């Protein structure tokens, strides 16, 4: 599967989920992660759709795969925080929430104009 085909599949799955076809989305994201096991975007999308349909074990597994690929990513840390909170582990939820906040601060320091509306 080419990178463009993978991106299209992820986008199609996201659209499917947004229009209420979550099982179709999950099937497409399953194909995406099988075809491209190193795709952060595919794993993160799979985590989010599973979380939305309350498949918390599957959401956690997919989020952990995405996190292994990009541990400093703000969004995957936020996803993991949400999953752990729903699973009832406040300590882990707070850990990943803090990682997300640190990631956000780093991004603000590296890209101040993007956060202040300033012109570069």
N, C-alpha and C. Protein backbone atom coordinates (compact mmCIF):
# COMPACT_ATOMS: atom_id res chain seq x y z
N UNK A 1 0.86 -1.18 0.00
CA UNK A 1 0.00 0.00 0.00
C UNK A 1 0.90 1.24 0.00
N UNK A 2 0.63 2.13 -0.93
CA UNK A 2 1.43 3.36 -1.01
C UNK A 2 1.06 4.31 0.13
N UNK A 3 1.92 5.26 0.44
CA UNK A 3 1.57 6.25 1.48
C UNK A 3 0.28 7.00 1.16
N UNK A 4 0.06 7.33 -0.11
CA UNK A 4 -1.17 8.02 -0.48
C UNK A 4 -2.40 7.14 -0.29
N UNK A 5 -2.28 5.86 -0.63
CA UNK A 5 -3.39 4.93 -0.44
C UNK A 5 -3.69 4.75 1.05
N UNK A 6 -2.63 4.69 1.85
CA UNK A 6 -2.80 4.57 3.30
C UNK A 6 -3.52 5.79 3.85
N UNK A 7 -3.08 6.97 3.46
CA UNK A 7 -3.70 8.21 3.93
C UNK A 7 -5.17 8.26 3.53
N UNK A 8 -5.47 7.87 2.30
CA UNK A 8 -6.86 7.85 1.84
C UNK A 8 -7.69 6.88 2.65
N UNK A 9 -7.14 5.71 2.96
CA UNK A 9 -7.86 4.72 3.76
C UNK A 9 -8.16 5.26 5.15
N UNK A 10 -7.18 5.91 5.77
CA UNK A 10 -7.38 6.50 7.11
C UNK A 10 -8.43 7.60 7.05
N UNK A 11 -8.36 8.44 6.04
CA UNK A 11 -9.34 9.51 5.89
C UNK A 11 -10.74 8.95 5.64
N UNK A 12 -10.84 7.91 4.81
CA UNK A 12 -12.13 7.28 4.57
C UNK A 12 -12.70 6.69 5.86
N UNK A 13 -11.84 6.05 6.63
CA UNK A 13 -12.29 5.46 7.89
C UNK A 13 -12.76 6.54 8.86
N UNK A 14 -12.04 7.64 8.91
CA UNK A 14 -12.44 8.74 9.78
C UNK A 14 -13.80 9.29 9.36
N UNK A 15 -13.99 9.43 8.05
CA UNK A 15 -15.29 9.89 7.54
C UNK A 15 -16.39 8.89 7.90
N UNK A 16 -16.11 7.60 7.70
CA UNK A 16 -17.09 6.57 8.05
C UNK A 16 -17.51 6.70 9.51
N UNK A 17 -16.54 6.84 10.39
CA UNK A 17 -16.84 6.96 11.82
C UNK A 17 -17.68 8.21 12.08
N UNK A 18 -17.30 9.32 11.47
CA UNK A 18 -18.02 10.58 11.68
C UNK A 18 -19.46 10.51 11.20
N UNK A 19 -19.72 9.64 10.24
CA UNK A 19 -21.08 9.51 9.71
C UNK A 19 -21.83 8.32 10.31
N UNK A 20 -21.28 7.75 11.38
CA UNK A 20 -21.98 6.70 12.11
C UNK A 20 -21.66 5.28 11.71
N UNK A 21 -20.75 5.10 10.78
CA UNK A 21 -20.38 3.75 10.34
C UNK A 21 -19.09 3.31 11.02
N UNK A 22 -19.14 3.24 12.34
CA UNK A 22 -17.92 2.97 13.11
C UNK A 22 -17.35 1.58 12.86
N UNK A 23 -18.20 0.58 12.67
CA UNK A 23 -17.68 -0.77 12.41
C UNK A 23 -16.95 -0.82 11.08
N UNK A 24 -17.45 -0.10 10.08
CA UNK A 24 -16.77 -0.01 8.79
C UNK A 24 -15.43 0.70 8.98
N UNK A 25 -15.44 1.75 9.78
CA UNK A 25 -14.20 2.49 10.07
C UNK A 25 -13.18 1.57 10.73
N UNK A 26 -13.62 0.80 11.70
CA UNK A 26 -12.70 -0.11 12.39
C UNK A 26 -12.11 -1.14 11.44
N UNK A 27 -12.93 -1.63 10.53
CA UNK A 27 -12.42 -2.61 9.55
C UNK A 27 -11.36 -1.97 8.66
N UNK A 28 -11.61 -0.76 8.20
CA UNK A 28 -10.64 -0.07 7.34
C UNK A 28 -9.36 0.22 8.11
N UNK A 29 -9.49 0.64 9.35
CA UNK A 29 -8.29 0.94 10.14
C UNK A 29 -7.53 -0.33 10.48
N UNK A 30 -8.24 -1.44 10.62
CA UNK A 30 -7.57 -2.73 10.80
C UNK A 30 -6.72 -3.07 9.59
N UNK A 31 -7.26 -2.82 8.40
CA UNK A 31 -6.50 -3.04 7.17
C UNK A 31 -5.30 -2.09 7.11
N UNK A 32 -5.51 -0.85 7.52
CA UNK A 32 -4.42 0.14 7.48
C UNK A 32 -3.28 -0.26 8.40
N UNK A 33 -3.60 -0.68 9.62
CA UNK A 33 -2.54 -1.04 10.57
C UNK A 33 -1.85 -2.34 10.16
N UNK A 34 -2.59 -3.25 9.50
CA UNK A 34 -1.98 -4.48 9.02
C UNK A 34 -1.02 -4.19 7.87
N UNK A 35 -1.43 -3.29 6.99
CA UNK A 35 -0.61 -2.96 5.81
C UNK A 35 0.58 -2.07 6.17
N UNK A 36 0.41 -1.24 7.20
CA UNK A 36 1.45 -0.28 7.59
C UNK A 36 1.59 -0.26 9.10
N UNK A 37 2.18 -1.29 9.69
CA UNK A 37 2.25 -1.38 11.15
C UNK A 37 3.07 -0.26 11.81
N UNK A 38 3.80 0.50 11.02
CA UNK A 38 4.57 1.62 11.57
C UNK A 38 3.88 2.97 11.34
N UNK A 39 2.60 2.94 10.99
CA UNK A 39 1.86 4.18 10.75
C UNK A 39 1.26 4.70 12.04
N UNK A 40 1.85 5.75 12.56
CA UNK A 40 1.32 6.39 13.75
C UNK A 40 -0.13 6.82 13.53
N UNK A 41 -0.39 7.44 12.39
CA UNK A 41 -1.72 7.97 12.10
C UNK A 41 -2.78 6.87 12.12
N UNK A 42 -2.46 5.71 11.55
CA UNK A 42 -3.42 4.61 11.52
C UNK A 42 -3.71 4.10 12.93
N UNK A 43 -2.67 3.92 13.73
CA UNK A 43 -2.87 3.43 15.10
C UNK A 43 -3.63 4.44 15.94
N UNK A 44 -3.30 5.73 15.77
CA UNK A 44 -3.99 6.75 16.56
C UNK A 44 -5.47 6.82 16.18
N UNK A 45 -5.76 6.77 14.88
CA UNK A 45 -7.16 6.77 14.45
C UNK A 45 -7.89 5.54 14.99
N UNK A 46 -7.23 4.39 14.95
CA UNK A 46 -7.83 3.17 15.48
C UNK A 46 -8.13 3.30 16.97
N UNK A 47 -7.21 3.91 17.69
CA UNK A 47 -7.42 4.14 19.12
C UNK A 47 -8.63 5.04 19.36
N UNK A 48 -8.72 6.12 18.60
CA UNK A 48 -9.81 7.08 18.80
C UNK A 48 -11.17 6.48 18.46
N UNK A 49 -11.26 5.73 17.36
CA UNK A 49 -12.54 5.14 17.00
C UNK A 49 -12.94 4.08 18.03
N UNK A 50 -11.99 3.25 18.44
CA UNK A 50 -12.30 2.25 19.47
C UNK A 50 -12.74 2.92 20.76
N UNK A 51 -12.09 4.00 21.13
CA UNK A 51 -12.47 4.73 22.34
C UNK A 51 -13.90 5.25 22.21
N UNK A 52 -14.21 5.81 21.06
CA UNK A 52 -15.55 6.39 20.84
C UNK A 52 -16.66 5.34 20.94
N UNK A 53 -16.37 4.12 20.52
CA UNK A 53 -17.39 3.06 20.58
C UNK A 53 -17.26 2.22 21.85
N UNK A 54 -16.44 2.70 22.75
CA UNK A 54 -16.30 2.10 24.09
C UNK A 54 -15.63 0.73 24.09
N UNK A 55 -14.79 0.47 23.09
CA UNK A 55 -13.95 -0.73 23.09
C UNK A 55 -12.63 -0.33 23.75
N UNK A 56 -12.67 -0.22 25.08
CA UNK A 56 -11.54 0.37 25.79
C UNK A 56 -10.26 -0.46 25.72
N UNK A 57 -10.38 -1.79 25.75
CA UNK A 57 -9.18 -2.62 25.65
C UNK A 57 -8.51 -2.44 24.28
N UNK A 58 -9.31 -2.44 23.23
CA UNK A 58 -8.77 -2.24 21.88
C UNK A 58 -8.23 -0.83 21.72
N UNK A 59 -8.90 0.15 22.32
CA UNK A 59 -8.43 1.53 22.25
C UNK A 59 -7.06 1.66 22.92
N UNK A 60 -6.92 1.03 24.08
CA UNK A 60 -5.65 1.08 24.80
C UNK A 60 -4.55 0.40 24.00
N UNK A 61 -4.82 -0.76 23.45
CA UNK A 61 -3.81 -1.47 22.67
C UNK A 61 -3.35 -0.64 21.47
N UNK A 62 -4.29 -0.04 20.75
CA UNK A 62 -3.93 0.78 19.59
C UNK A 62 -3.18 2.03 20.03
N UNK A 63 -3.63 2.65 21.11
CA UNK A 63 -2.96 3.87 21.60
C UNK A 63 -1.53 3.55 22.04
N UNK A 64 -1.34 2.42 22.67
CA UNK A 64 0.01 2.04 23.09
C UNK A 64 0.92 1.80 21.89
N UNK A 65 0.39 1.24 20.80
CA UNK A 65 1.18 1.06 19.58
C UNK A 65 1.57 2.42 19.00
N UNK A 66 0.60 3.34 18.94
CA UNK A 66 0.90 4.69 18.43
C UNK A 66 1.92 5.39 19.32
N UNK A 67 1.76 5.24 20.62
CA UNK A 67 2.67 5.88 21.58
C UNK A 67 4.09 5.34 21.41
N UNK A 68 4.22 4.06 21.14
CA UNK A 68 5.55 3.48 20.93
C UNK A 68 6.23 4.09 19.71
N UNK A 69 5.42 4.50 18.73
CA UNK A 69 5.97 5.11 17.52
C UNK A 69 6.33 6.58 17.72
N UNK A 70 5.55 7.30 18.54
CA UNK A 70 5.79 8.73 18.80
C UNK A 70 5.47 9.05 20.26
N UNK A 71 6.35 8.69 21.16
CA UNK A 71 6.04 8.86 22.59
C UNK A 71 5.85 10.31 23.03
N UNK A 72 6.41 11.26 22.32
CA UNK A 72 6.27 12.65 22.72
C UNK A 72 5.09 13.36 22.09
N UNK A 73 4.29 12.66 21.30
CA UNK A 73 3.19 13.31 20.61
C UNK A 73 2.11 13.76 21.59
N UNK A 74 1.74 15.02 21.48
CA UNK A 74 0.72 15.61 22.35
C UNK A 74 -0.60 14.85 22.27
N UNK A 75 -1.03 14.52 21.05
CA UNK A 75 -2.35 13.94 20.87
C UNK A 75 -2.44 12.50 21.36
N UNK A 76 -1.41 11.70 21.16
CA UNK A 76 -1.49 10.32 21.63
C UNK A 76 -1.41 10.28 23.16
N UNK A 77 -0.67 11.20 23.74
CA UNK A 77 -0.64 11.26 25.20
C UNK A 77 -2.00 11.66 25.75
N UNK A 78 -2.68 12.56 25.06
CA UNK A 78 -4.03 12.95 25.46
C UNK A 78 -4.98 11.76 25.33
N UNK A 79 -4.87 11.03 24.24
CA UNK A 79 -5.71 9.85 24.03
C UNK A 79 -5.48 8.84 25.16
N UNK A 80 -4.22 8.57 25.46
CA UNK A 80 -3.91 7.61 26.53
C UNK A 80 -4.46 8.10 27.87
N UNK A 81 -4.37 9.38 28.13
CA UNK A 81 -4.93 9.92 29.37
C UNK A 81 -6.43 9.67 29.44
N UNK A 82 -7.13 9.92 28.35
CA UNK A 82 -8.58 9.70 28.32
C UNK A 82 -8.93 8.23 28.50
N UNK A 83 -8.18 7.35 27.83
CA UNK A 83 -8.46 5.91 27.94
C UNK A 83 -8.24 5.45 29.37
N UNK A 84 -7.12 5.84 29.97
CA UNK A 84 -6.84 5.40 31.33
C UNK A 84 -7.87 5.96 32.32
N UNK A 85 -8.33 7.18 32.09
CA UNK A 85 -9.35 7.74 32.98
C UNK A 85 -10.64 6.93 32.89
N UNK A 86 -11.02 6.57 31.68
CA UNK A 86 -12.23 5.76 31.50
C UNK A 86 -12.07 4.37 32.09
N UNK A 87 -10.86 3.87 32.10
CA UNK A 87 -10.60 2.55 32.68
C UNK A 87 -10.47 2.62 34.20
N UNK A 88 -10.48 3.83 34.74
CA UNK A 88 -10.48 4.00 36.19
C UNK A 88 -9.11 4.10 36.83
N UNK A 89 -8.08 4.32 36.03
CA UNK A 89 -6.72 4.44 36.59
C UNK A 89 -6.30 5.91 36.53
N UNK A 90 -6.64 6.63 37.57
CA UNK A 90 -6.38 8.07 37.62
C UNK A 90 -4.88 8.38 37.58
N UNK A 91 -4.07 7.56 38.21
CA UNK A 91 -2.63 7.79 38.23
C UNK A 91 -2.04 7.75 36.83
N UNK A 92 -2.39 6.73 36.07
CA UNK A 92 -1.89 6.64 34.69
C UNK A 92 -2.48 7.75 33.83
N UNK A 93 -3.75 8.06 34.05
CA UNK A 93 -4.38 9.14 33.29
C UNK A 93 -3.65 10.46 33.54
N UNK A 94 -3.33 10.73 34.79
CA UNK A 94 -2.62 11.96 35.11
C UNK A 94 -1.21 11.96 34.52
N UNK A 95 -0.56 10.82 34.51
CA UNK A 95 0.78 10.72 33.92
C UNK A 95 0.74 11.13 32.45
N UNK A 96 -0.16 10.52 31.69
CA UNK A 96 -0.22 10.83 30.26
C UNK A 96 -0.76 12.24 30.02
N UNK A 97 -1.63 12.73 30.90
CA UNK A 97 -2.09 14.11 30.80
C UNK A 97 -0.93 15.08 30.99
N UNK A 98 -0.06 14.77 31.93
CA UNK A 98 1.11 15.62 32.16
C UNK A 98 2.06 15.58 30.96
N UNK A 99 2.21 14.39 30.37
CA UNK A 99 3.06 14.28 29.18
C UNK A 99 2.50 15.12 28.03
N UNK A 100 1.19 15.13 27.91
CA UNK A 100 0.55 15.95 26.87
C UNK A 100 0.80 17.43 27.13
N UNK A 101 0.68 17.84 28.37
CA UNK A 101 0.91 19.24 28.71
C UNK A 101 2.36 19.63 28.43
N UNK A 102 3.29 18.76 28.79
CA UNK A 102 4.71 19.04 28.50
C UNK A 102 4.92 19.15 26.99
N UNK A 103 4.31 18.27 26.23
CA UNK A 103 4.41 18.34 24.78
C UNK A 103 3.85 19.64 24.23
N UNK A 104 2.75 20.10 24.80
CA UNK A 104 2.16 21.36 24.38
C UNK A 104 3.09 22.53 24.69
N UNK A 105 3.69 22.51 25.86
CA UNK A 105 4.63 23.59 26.22
C UNK A 105 5.83 23.60 25.29
N UNK A 106 6.36 22.42 24.99
CA UNK A 106 7.50 22.34 24.07
C UNK A 106 7.13 22.92 22.71
N UNK A 107 5.95 22.56 22.24
CA UNK A 107 5.50 23.07 20.95
C UNK A 107 5.37 24.60 21.00
N UNK A 108 4.83 25.13 22.08
CA UNK A 108 4.70 26.58 22.21
C UNK A 108 6.05 27.27 22.21
N UNK A 109 7.05 26.65 22.84
CA UNK A 109 8.39 27.24 22.88
C UNK A 109 9.05 27.19 21.51
N UNK A 110 8.81 26.09 20.76
CA UNK A 110 9.43 25.92 19.45
C UNK A 110 8.70 26.70 18.36
N UNK A 111 7.42 26.95 18.54
CA UNK A 111 6.60 27.62 17.53
C UNK A 111 5.76 28.73 18.17
N UNK A 112 6.39 29.74 18.75
CA UNK A 112 5.62 30.75 19.48
C UNK A 112 4.62 31.51 18.61
N UNK A 113 4.94 31.76 17.34
CA UNK A 113 4.02 32.49 16.48
C UNK A 113 2.74 31.72 16.21
N UNK A 114 2.83 30.42 16.19
CA UNK A 114 1.64 29.59 15.94
C UNK A 114 0.66 29.68 17.11
N UNK A 115 1.15 30.04 18.29
CA UNK A 115 0.31 30.07 19.48
C UNK A 115 -0.12 31.45 19.90
N UNK A 116 0.52 32.48 19.35
CA UNK A 116 0.18 33.84 19.76
C UNK A 116 -0.49 34.62 18.65
N UNK A 117 -0.53 34.04 17.47
CA UNK A 117 -1.12 34.76 16.34
C UNK A 117 -0.17 35.78 15.75
N UNK A 118 1.09 35.72 16.21
CA UNK A 118 2.09 36.67 15.71
C UNK A 118 2.54 36.32 14.31
N UNK A 119 3.22 37.24 13.73
CA UNK A 119 3.76 37.06 12.38
C UNK A 119 5.24 36.86 12.47
N UNK A 120 5.75 35.84 11.74
CA UNK A 120 7.15 35.46 11.85
C UNK A 120 8.08 36.27 11.14
